[in-house]
All heavy atoms as atom14 arrays in JSON, in Angstrom:
{
  "sequence": "EHDATPEQKGYKGFEYATCASINDEICHGFPRKEPLNEGDIVTIDMVV",
  "atom14_mask": [
    [1, 1, 1, 1, 1, 1, 1, 1, 1, 0, 0, 0, 0, 0],
    [1, 1, 1, 1, 1, 1, 1, 1, 1, 1, 0, 0, 0, 0],
    [1, 1, 1, 1, 1, 1, 1, 1, 0, 0, 0, 0, 0, 0],
    [1, 1, 1, 1, 1, 0, 0, 0, 0, 0, 0, 0, 0, 0],
    [1, 1, 1, 1, 1, 1, 1, 0, 0, 0, 0, 0, 0, 0],
    [1, 1, 1, 1, 1, 1, 1, 0, 0, 0, 0, 0, 0, 0],
    [1, 1, 1, 1, 1, 1, 1, 1, 1, 0, 0, 0, 0, 0],
    [1, 1, 1, 1, 1, 1, 1, 1, 1, 0, 0, 0, 0, 0],
    [1, 1, 1, 1, 1, 1, 1, 1, 1, 0, 0, 0, 0, 0],
    [1, 1, 1, 1, 0, 0, 0, 0, 0, 0, 0, 0, 0, 0],
    [1, 1, 1, 1, 1, 1, 1, 1, 1, 1, 1, 1, 0, 0],
    [1, 1, 1, 1, 1, 1, 1, 1, 1, 0, 0, 0, 0, 0],
    [1, 1, 1, 1, 0, 0, 0, 0, 0, 0, 0, 0, 0, 0],
    [1, 1, 1, 1, 1, 1, 1, 1, 1, 1, 1, 0, 0, 0],
    [1, 1, 1, 1, 1, 1, 1, 1, 1, 0, 0, 0, 0, 0],
    [1, 1, 1, 1, 1, 1, 1, 1, 1, 1, 1, 1, 0, 0],
    [1, 1, 1, 1, 1, 0, 0, 0, 0, 0, 0, 0, 0, 0],
    [1, 1, 1, 1, 1, 1, 1, 0, 0, 0, 0, 0, 0, 0],
    [1, 1, 1, 1, 1, 1, 0, 0, 0, 0, 0, 0, 0, 0],
    [1, 1, 1, 1, 1, 0, 0, 0, 0, 0, 0, 0, 0, 0],
    [1, 1, 1, 1, 1, 1, 0, 0, 0, 0, 0, 0, 0, 0],
    [1, 1, 1, 1, 1, 1, 1, 1, 0, 0, 0, 0, 0, 0],
    [1, 1, 1, 1, 1, 1, 1, 1, 0, 0, 0, 0, 0, 0],
    [1, 1, 1, 1, 1, 1, 1, 1, 0, 0, 0, 0, 0, 0],
    [1, 1, 1, 1, 1, 1, 1, 1, 1, 0, 0, 0, 0, 0],
    [1, 1, 1, 1, 1, 1, 1, 1, 0, 0, 0, 0, 0, 0],
    [1, 1, 1, 1, 1, 1, 0, 0, 0, 0, 0, 0, 0, 0],
    [1, 1, 1, 1, 1, 1, 1, 1, 1, 1, 0, 0, 0, 0],
    [1, 1, 1, 1, 0, 0, 0, 0, 0, 0, 0, 0, 0, 0],
    [1, 1, 1, 1, 1, 1, 1, 1, 1, 1, 1, 0, 0, 0],
    [1, 1, 1, 1, 1, 1, 1, 0, 0, 0, 0, 0, 0, 0],
    [1, 1, 1, 1, 1, 1, 1, 1, 1, 1, 1, 0, 0, 0],
    [1, 1, 1, 1, 1, 1, 1, 1, 1, 0, 0, 0, 0, 0],
    [1, 1, 1, 1, 1, 1, 1, 1, 1, 0, 0, 0, 0, 0],
    [1, 1, 1, 1, 1, 1, 1, 0, 0, 0, 0, 0, 0, 0],
    [1, 1, 1, 1, 1, 1, 1, 1, 0, 0, 0, 0, 0, 0],
    [1, 1, 1, 1, 1, 1, 1, 1, 0, 0, 0, 0, 0, 0],
    [1, 1, 1, 1, 1, 1, 1, 1, 1, 0, 0, 0, 0, 0],
    [1, 1, 1, 1, 0, 0, 0, 0, 0, 0, 0, 0, 0, 0],
    [1, 1, 1, 1, 1, 1, 1, 1, 0, 0, 0, 0, 0, 0],
    [1, 1, 1, 1, 1, 1, 1, 1, 0, 0, 0, 0, 0, 0],
    [1, 1, 1, 1, 1, 1, 1, 0, 0, 0, 0, 0, 0, 0],
    [1, 1, 1, 1, 1, 1, 1, 0, 0, 0, 0, 0, 0, 0],
    [1, 1, 1, 1, 1, 1, 1, 1, 0, 0, 0, 0, 0, 0],
    [1, 1, 1, 1, 1, 1, 1, 1, 0, 0, 0, 0, 0, 0],
    [1, 1, 1, 1, 1, 1, 1, 1, 0, 0, 0, 0, 0, 0],
    [1, 1, 1, 1, 1, 1, 1, 0, 0, 0, 0, 0, 0, 0],
    [1, 1, 1, 1, 1, 1, 1, 0, 0, 0, 0, 0, 0, 0]
  ],
  "atom14_positions": [
    [[-145.61, 114.24, -45.22], [-145.87, 115.02, -43.99], [-146.94, 114.37, -43.12], [-147.03, 114.68, -41.93], [-146.28, 116.44, -44.36], [-145.11, 117.28, -44.89], [-145.56, 118.61, -45.48], [-146.79, 118.82, -45.62], [-144.68, 119.43, -45.8], [0.0, 0.0, 0.0], [0.0, 0.0, 0.0], [0.0, 0.0, 0.0], [0.0, 0.0, 0.0], [0.0, 0.0, 0.0]],
    [[-147.75, 113.5, -43.71], [-148.81, 112.8, -42.96], [-148.47, 111.32, -42.74], [-149.37, 110.51, -42.48], [-150.14, 112.96, -43.7], [-150.68, 114.36, -43.66], [-150.22, 115.36, -44.5], [-151.62, 114.95, -42.86], [-150.86, 116.48, -44.24], [-151.7, 116.26, -43.25], [0.0, 0.0, 0.0], [0.0, 0.0, 0.0], [0.0, 0.0, 0.0], [0.0, 0.0, 0.0]],
    [[-147.18, 110.99, -42.86], [-146.7, 109.61, -42.61], [-147.37, 108.59, -43.51], [-147.58, 107.43, -43.12], [-146.88, 109.22, -41.14], [-146.1, 110.14, -40.21], [-144.94, 110.45, -40.53], [-146.66, 110.55, -39.17], [0.0, 0.0, 0.0], [0.0, 0.0, 0.0], [0.0, 0.0, 0.0], [0.0, 0.0, 0.0], [0.0, 0.0, 0.0], [0.0, 0.0, 0.0]],
    [[-147.73, 109.03, -44.72], [-148.37, 108.14, -45.69], [-147.48, 108.06, -46.93], [-146.57, 108.87, -47.12], [-149.75, 108.67, -46.06], [0.0, 0.0, 0.0], [0.0, 0.0, 0.0], [0.0, 0.0, 0.0], [0.0, 0.0, 0.0], [0.0, 0.0, 0.0], [0.0, 0.0, 0.0], [0.0, 0.0, 0.0], [0.0, 0.0, 0.0], [0.0, 0.0, 0.0]],
    [[-147.77, 107.07, -47.79], [-146.99, 106.89, -49.01], [-147.91, 106.7, -50.22], [-149.03, 106.2, -50.07], [-146.05, 105.67, -48.91], [-146.82, 104.51, -48.56], [-144.96, 105.9, -47.88], [0.0, 0.0, 0.0], [0.0, 0.0, 0.0], [0.0, 0.0, 0.0], [0.0, 0.0, 0.0], [0.0, 0.0, 0.0], [0.0, 0.0, 0.0], [0.0, 0.0, 0.0]],
    [[-147.44, 107.1, -51.42], [-148.22, 106.89, -52.65], [-148.04, 105.45, -53.15], [-146.96, 105.07, -53.57], [-147.63, 107.9, -53.62], [-146.22, 108.1, -53.16], [-146.19, 107.84, -51.69], [0.0, 0.0, 0.0], [0.0, 0.0, 0.0], [0.0, 0.0, 0.0], [0.0, 0.0, 0.0], [0.0, 0.0, 0.0], [0.0, 0.0, 0.0], [0.0, 0.0, 0.0]],
    [[-149.11, 104.68, -53.1], [-149.02, 103.24, -53.37], [-148.69, 102.93, -54.82], [-148.03, 101.93, -55.11], [-150.33, 102.56, -52.97], [-150.35, 101.06, -53.15], [-149.48, 100.3, -52.16], [-148.93, 100.92, -51.23], [-149.37, 99.07, -52.32], [0.0, 0.0, 0.0], [0.0, 0.0, 0.0], [0.0, 0.0, 0.0], [0.0, 0.0, 0.0], [0.0, 0.0, 0.0]],
    [[-149.16, 103.78, -55.76], [-148.93, 103.38, -57.15], [-147.52, 103.7, -57.63], [-147.11, 103.23, -58.7], [-149.97, 103.98, -58.1], [-149.88, 105.47, -58.32], [-150.94, 106.21, -57.56], [-151.11, 106.0, -56.36], [-151.66, 107.08, -58.23], [0.0, 0.0, 0.0], [0.0, 0.0, 0.0], [0.0, 0.0, 0.0], [0.0, 0.0, 0.0], [0.0, 0.0, 0.0]],
    [[-146.76, 104.48, -56.86], [-145.37, 104.76, -57.26], [-144.56, 103.47, -57.16], [-144.45, 102.87, -56.11], [-144.76, 105.84, -56.37], [-143.43, 106.34, -56.89], [-142.95, 107.55, -56.12], [-141.67, 108.08, -56.75], [-141.17, 109.28, -56.05], [0.0, 0.0, 0.0], [0.0, 0.0, 0.0], [0.0, 0.0, 0.0], [0.0, 0.0, 0.0], [0.0, 0.0, 0.0]],
    [[-144.05, 103.04, -58.32], [-143.32, 101.77, -58.38], [-144.18, 100.59, -58.79], [-143.66, 99.51, -59.07], [0.0, 0.0, 0.0], [0.0, 0.0, 0.0], [0.0, 0.0, 0.0], [0.0, 0.0, 0.0], [0.0, 0.0, 0.0], [0.0, 0.0, 0.0], [0.0, 0.0, 0.0], [0.0, 0.0, 0.0], [0.0, 0.0, 0.0], [0.0, 0.0, 0.0]],
    [[-145.51, 100.78, -58.87], [-146.41, 99.69, -59.25], [-146.2, 99.36, -60.74], [-146.44, 100.22, -61.6], [-147.86, 100.1, -58.98], [-148.9, 99.11, -59.44], [-149.14, 97.94, -58.73], [-149.65, 99.35, -60.59], [-150.1, 97.04, -59.15], [-150.61, 98.45, -61.02], [-150.83, 97.29, -60.3], [-151.78, 96.4, -60.72], [0.0, 0.0, 0.0], [0.0, 0.0, 0.0]],
    [[-145.72, 98.16, -61.01], [-145.43, 97.73, -62.39], [-144.57, 98.76, -63.14], [-144.73, 98.96, -64.35], [-146.74, 97.46, -63.15], [-147.53, 96.29, -62.58], [-148.74, 95.97, -63.43], [-149.48, 94.74, -62.89], [-150.71, 94.44, -63.67], [0.0, 0.0, 0.0], [0.0, 0.0, 0.0], [0.0, 0.0, 0.0], [0.0, 0.0, 0.0], [0.0, 0.0, 0.0]],
    [[-143.7, 99.43, -62.4], [-142.78, 100.39, -63.01], [-143.32, 101.8, -63.13], [-142.62, 102.69, -63.64], [0.0, 0.0, 0.0], [0.0, 0.0, 0.0], [0.0, 0.0, 0.0], [0.0, 0.0, 0.0], [0.0, 0.0, 0.0], [0.0, 0.0, 0.0], [0.0, 0.0, 0.0], [0.0, 0.0, 0.0], [0.0, 0.0, 0.0], [0.0, 0.0, 0.0]],
    [[-144.54, 102.06, -62.66], [-145.08, 103.43, -62.7], [-144.25, 104.33, -61.8], [-143.96, 103.98, -60.66], [-146.56, 103.43, -62.27], [-147.28, 104.71, -62.56], [-147.75, 104.98, -63.83], [-147.49, 105.65, -61.56], [-148.42, 106.16, -64.11], [-148.17, 106.83, -61.83], [-148.63, 107.08, -63.11], [0.0, 0.0, 0.0], [0.0, 0.0, 0.0], [0.0, 0.0, 0.0]],
    [[-143.87, 105.5, -62.29], [-142.85, 106.31, -61.62], [-143.38, 107.44, -60.75], [-142.59, 108.16, -60.12], [-141.9, 106.9, -62.68], [-141.13, 105.86, -63.46], [-140.25, 106.48, -64.54], [-140.05, 107.71, -64.51], [-139.77, 105.72, -65.41], [0.0, 0.0, 0.0], [0.0, 0.0, 0.0], [0.0, 0.0, 0.0], [0.0, 0.0, 0.0], [0.0, 0.0, 0.0]],
    [[-144.7, 107.63, -60.7], [-145.23, 108.86, -60.11], [-146.15, 108.59, -58.91], [-146.69, 107.49, -58.77], [-145.99, 109.66, -61.17], [-145.19, 109.84, -62.44], [-145.4, 109.01, -63.55], [-144.19, 110.81, -62.52], [-144.67, 109.16, -64.71], [-143.44, 110.96, -63.69], [-143.68, 110.14, -64.78], [-142.94, 110.28, -65.93], [0.0, 0.0, 0.0], [0.0, 0.0, 0.0]],
    [[-146.35, 109.62, -58.11], [-147.25, 109.52, -56.95], [-148.71, 109.59, -57.36], [-149.59, 109.14, -56.63], [-146.94, 110.64, -55.95], [0.0, 0.0, 0.0], [0.0, 0.0, 0.0], [0.0, 0.0, 0.0], [0.0, 0.0, 0.0], [0.0, 0.0, 0.0], [0.0, 0.0, 0.0], [0.0, 0.0, 0.0], [0.0, 0.0, 0.0], [0.0, 0.0, 0.0]],
    [[-148.96, 110.18, -58.54], [-150.33, 110.35, -59.02], [-150.43, 109.92, -60.48], [-149.43, 109.9, -61.2], [-150.77, 111.83, -58.95], [-149.92, 112.6, -59.81], [-150.72, 112.36, -57.53], [0.0, 0.0, 0.0], [0.0, 0.0, 0.0], [0.0, 0.0, 0.0], [0.0, 0.0, 0.0], [0.0, 0.0, 0.0], [0.0, 0.0, 0.0], [0.0, 0.0, 0.0]],
    [[-151.65, 109.63, -60.91], [-151.99, 109.63, -62.32], [-152.65, 110.98, -62.6], [-153.51, 111.41, -61.83], [-152.96, 108.5, -62.66], [-152.31, 106.85, -62.37], [0.0, 0.0, 0.0], [0.0, 0.0, 0.0], [0.0, 0.0, 0.0], [0.0, 0.0, 0.0], [0.0, 0.0, 0.0], [0.0, 0.0, 0.0], [0.0, 0.0, 0.0], [0.0, 0.0, 0.0]],
    [[-152.22, 111.64, -63.66], [-152.74, 112.97, -63.99], [-153.18, 112.97, -65.44], [-152.34, 112.99, -66.36], [-151.66, 114.03, -63.74], [0.0, 0.0, 0.0], [0.0, 0.0, 0.0], [0.0, 0.0, 0.0], [0.0, 0.0, 0.0], [0.0, 0.0, 0.0], [0.0, 0.0, 0.0], [0.0, 0.0, 0.0], [0.0, 0.0, 0.0], [0.0, 0.0, 0.0]],
    [[-154.48, 112.93, -65.66], [-155.04, 112.75, -67.01], [-155.76, 114.03, -67.44], [-156.66, 114.5, -66.75], [-156.0, 111.57, -67.01], [-155.35, 110.41, -66.48], [0.0, 0.0, 0.0], [0.0, 0.0, 0.0], [0.0, 0.0, 0.0], [0.0, 0.0, 0.0], [0.0, 0.0, 0.0], [0.0, 0.0, 0.0], [0.0, 0.0, 0.0], [0.0, 0.0, 0.0]],
    [[-155.34, 114.58, -68.59], [-155.81, 115.88, -69.05], [-156.71, 115.73, -70.27], [-156.36, 115.04, -71.23], [-154.61, 116.78, -69.39], [-153.66, 116.92, -68.19], [-155.07, 118.16, -69.85], [-152.3, 117.52, -68.54], [0.0, 0.0, 0.0], [0.0, 0.0, 0.0], [0.0, 0.0, 0.0], [0.0, 0.0, 0.0], [0.0, 0.0, 0.0], [0.0, 0.0, 0.0]],
    [[-157.86, 116.38, -70.22], [-158.77, 116.52, -71.37], [-159.21, 115.18, -71.96], [-160.05, 114.51, -71.38], [-158.16, 117.44, -72.44], [-157.98, 118.87, -71.93], [-158.63, 119.26, -70.96], [-157.11, 119.62, -72.56], [0.0, 0.0, 0.0], [0.0, 0.0, 0.0], [0.0, 0.0, 0.0], [0.0, 0.0, 0.0], [0.0, 0.0, 0.0], [0.0, 0.0, 0.0]],
    [[-158.64, 114.75, -73.11], [-159.1, 113.51, -73.75], [-158.44, 112.27, -73.14], [-158.74, 111.15, -73.56], [-158.86, 113.54, -75.26], [-157.38, 113.56, -75.63], [-156.6, 114.23, -74.91], [-157.0, 112.93, -76.63], [0.0, 0.0, 0.0], [0.0, 0.0, 0.0], [0.0, 0.0, 0.0], [0.0, 0.0, 0.0], [0.0, 0.0, 0.0], [0.0, 0.0, 0.0]],
    [[-157.54, 112.45, -72.18], [-156.94, 111.3, -71.48], [-157.95, 110.77, -70.47], [-158.46, 111.53, -69.64], [-155.64, 111.72, -70.8], [-154.56, 112.11, -71.78], [-153.32, 112.67, -71.13], [-153.38, 113.1, -69.97], [-152.28, 112.7, -71.81], [0.0, 0.0, 0.0], [0.0, 0.0, 0.0], [0.0, 0.0, 0.0], [0.0, 0.0, 0.0], [0.0, 0.0, 0.0]],
    [[-158.23, 109.49, -70.53], [-159.25, 108.87, -69.68], [-158.67, 108.53, -68.31], [-159.26, 108.82, -67.27], [-159.82, 107.61, -70.35], [-160.56, 108.0, -71.63], [-160.74, 106.85, -69.41], [-160.88, 106.83, -72.54], [0.0, 0.0, 0.0], [0.0, 0.0, 0.0], [0.0, 0.0, 0.0], [0.0, 0.0, 0.0], [0.0, 0.0, 0.0], [0.0, 0.0, 0.0]],
    [[-157.48, 107.92, -68.31], [-156.86, 107.51, -67.05], [-155.39, 107.21, -67.27], [-154.93, 107.05, -68.4], [-157.57, 106.3, -66.43], [-157.6, 104.83, -67.48], [0.0, 0.0, 0.0], [0.0, 0.0, 0.0], [0.0, 0.0, 0.0], [0.0, 0.0, 0.0], [0.0, 0.0, 0.0], [0.0, 0.0, 0.0], [0.0, 0.0, 0.0], [0.0, 0.0, 0.0]],
    [[-154.66, 107.14, -66.14], [-153.25, 106.73, -66.11], [-152.33, 107.67, -66.89], [-151.3, 107.25, -67.42], [-153.08, 105.29, -66.59], [-153.95, 104.31, -65.86], [-154.41, 103.15, -66.43], [-154.47, 104.35, -64.6], [-155.18, 102.51, -65.55], [-155.23, 103.22, -64.44], [0.0, 0.0, 0.0], [0.0, 0.0, 0.0], [0.0, 0.0, 0.0], [0.0, 0.0, 0.0]],
    [[-152.7, 108.95, -66.95], [-151.82, 109.95, -67.55], [-150.59, 110.19, -66.68], [-150.66, 110.08, -65.45], [0.0, 0.0, 0.0], [0.0, 0.0, 0.0], [0.0, 0.0, 0.0], [0.0, 0.0, 0.0], [0.0, 0.0, 0.0], [0.0, 0.0, 0.0], [0.0, 0.0, 0.0], [0.0, 0.0, 0.0], [0.0, 0.0, 0.0], [0.0, 0.0, 0.0]],
    [[-149.47, 110.49, -67.32], [-148.23, 110.78, -66.6], [-148.19, 112.26, -66.22], [-148.46, 113.12, -67.07], [-147.01, 110.49, -67.49], [-146.72, 109.03, -67.72], [-147.55, 108.03, -67.26], [-145.57, 108.66, -68.42], [-147.26, 106.68, -67.49], [-145.26, 107.33, -68.65], [-146.11, 106.33, -68.18], [0.0, 0.0, 0.0], [0.0, 0.0, 0.0], [0.0, 0.0, 0.0]],
    [[-147.8, 112.59, -64.98], [-147.53, 114.0, -64.64], [-146.43, 114.54, -65.56], [-145.48, 113.83, -65.89], [-147.06, 113.93, -63.19], [-147.66, 112.67, -62.66], [-147.64, 111.71, -63.81], [0.0, 0.0, 0.0], [0.0, 0.0, 0.0], [0.0, 0.0, 0.0], [0.0, 0.0, 0.0], [0.0, 0.0, 0.0], [0.0, 0.0, 0.0], [0.0, 0.0, 0.0]],
    [[-146.57, 115.81, -65.98], [-145.58, 116.38, -66.89], [-145.44, 117.89, -66.65], [-146.19, 118.48, -65.88], [-145.95, 116.09, -68.34], [-147.39, 116.36, -68.73], [-147.69, 115.61, -70.02], [-149.0, 115.84, -70.56], [-150.08, 115.11, -70.26], [-150.0, 114.12, -69.37], [-151.23, 115.36, -70.84], [0.0, 0.0, 0.0], [0.0, 0.0, 0.0], [0.0, 0.0, 0.0]],
    [[-144.46, 118.46, -67.34], [-144.04, 119.83, -67.03], [-144.67, 120.89, -67.92], [-144.36, 122.07, -67.78], [-142.51, 119.91, -67.08], [-141.87, 119.06, -65.97], [-140.36, 119.11, -65.98], [-139.81, 118.24, -64.83], [-138.33, 118.18, -64.82], [0.0, 0.0, 0.0], [0.0, 0.0, 0.0], [0.0, 0.0, 0.0], [0.0, 0.0, 0.0], [0.0, 0.0, 0.0]],
    [[-145.59, 120.49, -68.81], [-146.31, 121.5, -69.6], [-147.42, 122.1, -68.73], [-148.16, 121.36, -68.08], [-146.95, 120.86, -70.85], [-145.96, 120.41, -71.9], [-145.29, 119.09, -71.56], [-145.88, 118.29, -70.83], [-144.14, 118.89, -72.02], [0.0, 0.0, 0.0], [0.0, 0.0, 0.0], [0.0, 0.0, 0.0], [0.0, 0.0, 0.0], [0.0, 0.0, 0.0]],
    [[-147.56, 123.43, -68.73], [-148.58, 124.05, -67.88], [-150.01, 123.74, -68.34], [-150.26, 123.58, -69.54], [-148.28, 125.55, -67.98], [-147.39, 125.72, -69.16], [-146.72, 124.42, -69.42], [0.0, 0.0, 0.0], [0.0, 0.0, 0.0], [0.0, 0.0, 0.0], [0.0, 0.0, 0.0], [0.0, 0.0, 0.0], [0.0, 0.0, 0.0], [0.0, 0.0, 0.0]],
    [[-150.9, 123.65, -67.38], [-152.32, 123.51, -67.68], [-152.86, 124.84, -68.21], [-152.42, 125.91, -67.78], [-153.09, 123.09, -66.43], [-152.8, 121.69, -65.9], [-153.44, 121.49, -64.52], [-153.28, 120.61, -66.86], [0.0, 0.0, 0.0], [0.0, 0.0, 0.0], [0.0, 0.0, 0.0], [0.0, 0.0, 0.0], [0.0, 0.0, 0.0], [0.0, 0.0, 0.0]],
    [[-153.82, 124.75, -69.12], [-154.39, 125.95, -69.75], [-155.82, 126.19, -69.29], [-156.53, 125.25, -68.9], [-154.38, 125.79, -71.27], [-152.98, 125.67, -71.83], [-152.12, 126.5, -71.53], [-152.74, 124.64, -72.63], [0.0, 0.0, 0.0], [0.0, 0.0, 0.0], [0.0, 0.0, 0.0], [0.0, 0.0, 0.0], [0.0, 0.0, 0.0], [0.0, 0.0, 0.0]],
    [[-156.23, 127.43, -69.34], [-157.62, 127.79, -69.08], [-158.53, 126.92, -69.96], [-158.3, 126.79, -71.16], [-157.83, 129.27, -69.42], [-159.21, 129.8, -69.14], [-159.31, 130.46, -67.77], [-158.28, 130.75, -67.15], [-160.45, 130.68, -67.34], [0.0, 0.0, 0.0], [0.0, 0.0, 0.0], [0.0, 0.0, 0.0], [0.0, 0.0, 0.0], [0.0, 0.0, 0.0]],
    [[-159.54, 126.31, -69.34], [-160.48, 125.49, -70.09], [-160.17, 124.01, -70.1], [-160.98, 123.2, -70.53], [0.0, 0.0, 0.0], [0.0, 0.0, 0.0], [0.0, 0.0, 0.0], [0.0, 0.0, 0.0], [0.0, 0.0, 0.0], [0.0, 0.0, 0.0], [0.0, 0.0, 0.0], [0.0, 0.0, 0.0], [0.0, 0.0, 0.0], [0.0, 0.0, 0.0]],
    [[-158.96, 123.64, -69.63], [-158.63, 122.22, -69.49], [-159.43, 121.61, -68.34], [-159.9, 122.31, -67.43], [-157.14, 122.03, -69.14], [-156.2, 122.29, -70.31], [-156.67, 122.29, -71.46], [-154.99, 122.48, -70.05], [0.0, 0.0, 0.0], [0.0, 0.0, 0.0], [0.0, 0.0, 0.0], [0.0, 0.0, 0.0], [0.0, 0.0, 0.0], [0.0, 0.0, 0.0]],
    [[-159.55, 120.28, -68.37], [-159.96, 119.55, -67.17], [-158.86, 118.51, -66.89], [-158.23, 118.0, -67.81], [-161.34, 118.88, -67.29], [-161.37, 117.81, -68.38], [-162.43, 119.91, -67.53], [-162.67, 117.0, -68.39], [0.0, 0.0, 0.0], [0.0, 0.0, 0.0], [0.0, 0.0, 0.0], [0.0, 0.0, 0.0], [0.0, 0.0, 0.0], [0.0, 0.0, 0.0]],
    [[-158.62, 118.24, -65.62], [-157.57, 117.3, -65.25], [-158.06, 116.4, -64.13], [-158.69, 116.85, -63.18], [-156.27, 118.03, -64.84], [-156.5, 118.99, -63.67], [-155.15, 117.06, -64.51], [0.0, 0.0, 0.0], [0.0, 0.0, 0.0], [0.0, 0.0, 0.0], [0.0, 0.0, 0.0], [0.0, 0.0, 0.0], [0.0, 0.0, 0.0], [0.0, 0.0, 0.0]],
    [[-157.81, 115.09, -64.3], [-158.16, 114.11, -63.27], [-156.9, 113.7, -62.53], [-155.93, 113.25, -63.15], [-158.82, 112.87, -63.89], [-160.01, 113.27, -64.58], [-159.19, 111.86, -62.81], [0.0, 0.0, 0.0], [0.0, 0.0, 0.0], [0.0, 0.0, 0.0], [0.0, 0.0, 0.0], [0.0, 0.0, 0.0], [0.0, 0.0, 0.0], [0.0, 0.0, 0.0]],
    [[-156.92, 113.85, -61.21], [-155.81, 113.42, -60.35], [-156.29, 112.18, -59.58], [-157.26, 112.25, -58.83], [-155.37, 114.52, -59.38], [-155.03, 115.82, -60.13], [-154.2, 114.04, -58.53], [-153.85, 115.72, -61.07], [0.0, 0.0, 0.0], [0.0, 0.0, 0.0], [0.0, 0.0, 0.0], [0.0, 0.0, 0.0], [0.0, 0.0, 0.0], [0.0, 0.0, 0.0]],
    [[-155.6, 111.07, -59.79], [-155.96, 109.78, -59.2], [-154.79, 109.31, -58.34], [-153.63, 109.35, -58.77], [-156.24, 108.78, -60.33], [-156.75, 107.44, -59.83], [-157.03, 107.3, -58.62], [-156.86, 106.51, -60.67], [0.0, 0.0, 0.0], [0.0, 0.0, 0.0], [0.0, 0.0, 0.0], [0.0, 0.0, 0.0], [0.0, 0.0, 0.0], [0.0, 0.0, 0.0]],
    [[-155.09, 108.88, -57.12], [-154.01, 108.4, -56.26], [-154.5, 107.32, -55.3], [-155.68, 107.27, -54.94], [-153.38, 109.55, -55.48], [-154.28, 110.16, -54.45], [-153.51, 111.56, -53.62], [-154.37, 112.92, -54.41], [0.0, 0.0, 0.0], [0.0, 0.0, 0.0], [0.0, 0.0, 0.0], [0.0, 0.0, 0.0], [0.0, 0.0, 0.0], [0.0, 0.0, 0.0]],
    [[-153.56, 106.47, -54.92], [-153.8, 105.44, -53.9], [-152.84, 105.72, -52.75], [-151.64, 105.88, -52.97], [-153.57, 104.02, -54.46], [-153.9, 102.98, -53.41], [-154.4, 103.8, -55.72], [0.0, 0.0, 0.0], [0.0, 0.0, 0.0], [0.0, 0.0, 0.0], [0.0, 0.0, 0.0], [0.0, 0.0, 0.0], [0.0, 0.0, 0.0], [0.0, 0.0, 0.0]],
    [[-153.38, 105.81, -51.55], [-152.59, 106.17, -50.37], [-152.47, 104.98, -49.42], [-153.47, 104.3, -49.15], [-153.26, 107.37, -49.64], [-152.62, 107.62, -48.28], [-153.18, 108.62, -50.51], [0.0, 0.0, 0.0], [0.0, 0.0, 0.0], [0.0, 0.0, 0.0], [0.0, 0.0, 0.0], [0.0, 0.0, 0.0], [0.0, 0.0, 0.0], [0.0, 0.0, 0.0]]
  ]
}
């Protein structure tokens, strides 16, 4: 909607617009369909 694109999508085969790392994941977590729980922390990393 802002005429921008997610740069890491397709980078070395990475399939997602974001890296989504939960709790003990440090970086480069894959977005997934399990719901986040109360008390979790999540890092959203993106290149635009």
